């Protein structure tokens, strides 16, 4: 983890640096970060429910052609 303090002159420069840093992460790290944010949102939205991390199944119906 980078603990460098940076000073920016404007908001756009800060967001561009943040975007470059995010893109430099490997895919699995970005996916894990998105999962953590999603879990935190559910826990904040429903604090009375016990939110457990788990995979959600997406159902897809594929129409096959006869042949």
C-alpha atoms as a PDB file:
ATOM      1  CA  UNK A   1       0.000   0.000   0.000  1.00  0.00           C
ATOM      2  CA  UNK A   2       1.351   3.376  -1.045  1.00  0.00           C
ATOM      3  CA  UNK A   3       1.497   5.814   1.870  1.00  0.00           C
ATOM      4  CA  UNK A   4       2.750   8.796  -0.114  1.00  0.00           C
ATOM      5  CA  UNK A   5       1.097  12.163   0.509  1.00  0.00           C
ATOM      6  CA  UNK A   6       0.336  14.027  -2.700  1.00  0.00           C
ATOM      7  CA  UNK A   7      -0.736  17.628  -3.245  1.00  0.00           C
ATOM      8  CA  UNK A   8      -2.945  18.472  -6.201  1.00  0.00           C
ATOM      9  CA  UNK A   9      -3.669  21.828  -7.752  1.00  0.00           C
ATOM     10  CA  UNK A  10      -7.175  20.935  -8.909  1.00  0.00           C
ATOM     11  CA  UNK A  11      -9.844  18.267  -8.625  1.00  0.00           C
ATOM     12  CA  UNK A  12      -9.399  16.966 -12.194  1.00  0.00           C
ATOM     13  CA  UNK A  13      -5.721  16.266 -11.593  1.00  0.00           C
ATOM     14  CA  UNK A  14      -6.576  14.361  -8.429  1.00  0.00           C
ATOM     15  CA  UNK A  15      -9.260  12.276 -10.164  1.00  0.00           C
ATOM     16  CA  UNK A  16      -6.930  11.498 -13.103  1.00  0.00           C
ATOM     17  CA  UNK A  17      -4.257  10.253 -10.689  1.00  0.00           C
ATOM     18  CA  UNK A  18      -6.850   8.214  -8.800  1.00  0.00           C
ATOM     19  CA  UNK A  19      -8.034   6.662 -12.075  1.00  0.00           C
ATOM     20  CA  UNK A  20      -4.455   5.760 -13.123  1.00  0.00           C
ATOM     21  CA  UNK A  21      -3.862   4.180  -9.718  1.00  0.00           C
ATOM     22  CA  UNK A  22      -7.117   2.186  -9.977  1.00  0.00           C
ATOM     23  CA  UNK A  23      -6.261   0.978 -13.497  1.00  0.00           C
ATOM     24  CA  UNK A  24      -2.801  -0.125 -12.343  1.00  0.00           C
ATOM     25  CA  UNK A  25      -4.359  -2.656  -9.963  1.00  0.00           C
ATOM     26  CA  UNK A  26      -4.818  -6.210 -11.230  1.00  0.00           C
ATOM     27  CA  UNK A  27      -8.334  -7.301 -12.130  1.00  0.00           C
ATOM     28  CA  UNK A  28      -8.795  -9.519  -9.074  1.00  0.00           C
ATOM     29  CA  UNK A  29      -7.919  -6.608  -6.732  1.00  0.00           C
ATOM     30  CA  UNK A  30     -10.454  -4.304  -8.428  1.00  0.00           C
ATOM     31  CA  UNK A  31     -13.102  -7.025  -8.275  1.00  0.00           C
ATOM     32  CA  UNK A  32     -12.400  -7.573  -4.574  1.00  0.00           C
ATOM     33  CA  UNK A  33     -12.625  -3.818  -3.897  1.00  0.00           C
ATOM     34  CA  UNK A  34     -15.969  -3.636  -5.721  1.00  0.00           C
ATOM     35  CA  UNK A  35     -17.222  -6.595  -3.683  1.00  0.00           C
ATOM     36  CA  UNK A  36     -16.158  -4.921  -0.418  1.00  0.00           C
ATOM     37  CA  UNK A  37     -17.945  -1.693  -1.397  1.00  0.00           C
ATOM     38  CA  UNK A  38     -21.090  -3.620  -2.320  1.00  0.00           C
ATOM     39  CA  UNK A  39     -21.054  -5.528   0.963  1.00  0.00           C
ATOM     40  CA  UNK A  40     -20.536  -2.306   2.950  1.00  0.00           C
ATOM     41  CA  UNK A  41     -23.475  -0.697   1.145  1.00  0.00           C
ATOM     42  CA  UNK A  42     -25.791  -3.605   1.953  1.00  0.00           C
ATOM     43  CA  UNK A  43     -24.696  -3.553   5.585  1.00  0.00           C
ATOM     44  CA  UNK A  44     -25.323   0.204   5.800  1.00  0.00           C
ATOM     45  CA  UNK A  45     -28.687  -0.094   4.033  1.00  0.00           C
ATOM     46  CA  UNK A  46     -29.957  -2.976   6.174  1.00  0.00           C
ATOM     47  CA  UNK A  47     -28.116  -2.778   9.518  1.00  0.00           C
ATOM     48  CA  UNK A  48     -30.632  -5.096  11.221  1.00  0.00           C
ATOM     49  CA  UNK A  49     -30.009  -7.960   8.782  1.00  0.00           C
ATOM     50  CA  UNK A  50     -26.967 -10.152   9.021  1.00  0.00           C
ATOM     51  CA  UNK A  51     -25.353  -9.618   5.624  1.00  0.00           C
ATOM     52  CA  UNK A  52     -23.103 -12.520   4.711  1.00  0.00           C
ATOM     53  CA  UNK A  53     -20.689 -12.404   1.803  1.00  0.00           C
ATOM     54  CA  UNK A  54     -21.654 -14.956  -0.805  1.00  0.00           C
ATOM     55  CA  UNK A  55     -21.776 -15.404  -4.531  1.00  0.00           C
ATOM     56  CA  UNK A  56     -25.024 -14.522  -6.217  1.00  0.00           C
ATOM     57  CA  UNK A  57     -26.228 -16.718  -9.020  1.00  0.00           C
ATOM     58  CA  UNK A  58     -27.385 -15.061 -12.232  1.00  0.00           C
ATOM     59  CA  UNK A  59     -29.917 -17.056 -14.195  1.00  0.00           C
ATOM     60  CA  UNK A  60     -29.651 -16.855 -17.953  1.00  0.00           C
ATOM     61  CA  UNK A  61     -32.102 -18.401 -20.388  1.00  0.00           C
ATOM     62  CA  UNK A  62     -30.542 -19.224 -23.745  1.00  0.00           C
ATOM     63  CA  UNK A  63     -32.825 -20.008 -26.667  1.00  0.00           C
ATOM     64  CA  UNK A  64     -31.403 -22.896 -28.704  1.00  0.00           C
ATOM     65  CA  UNK A  65     -32.251 -23.371 -32.327  1.00  0.00           C
ATOM     66  CA  UNK A  66     -33.557 -26.704 -33.579  1.00  0.00           C
ATOM     67  CA  UNK A  67     -31.098 -28.411 -35.831  1.00  0.00           C
END
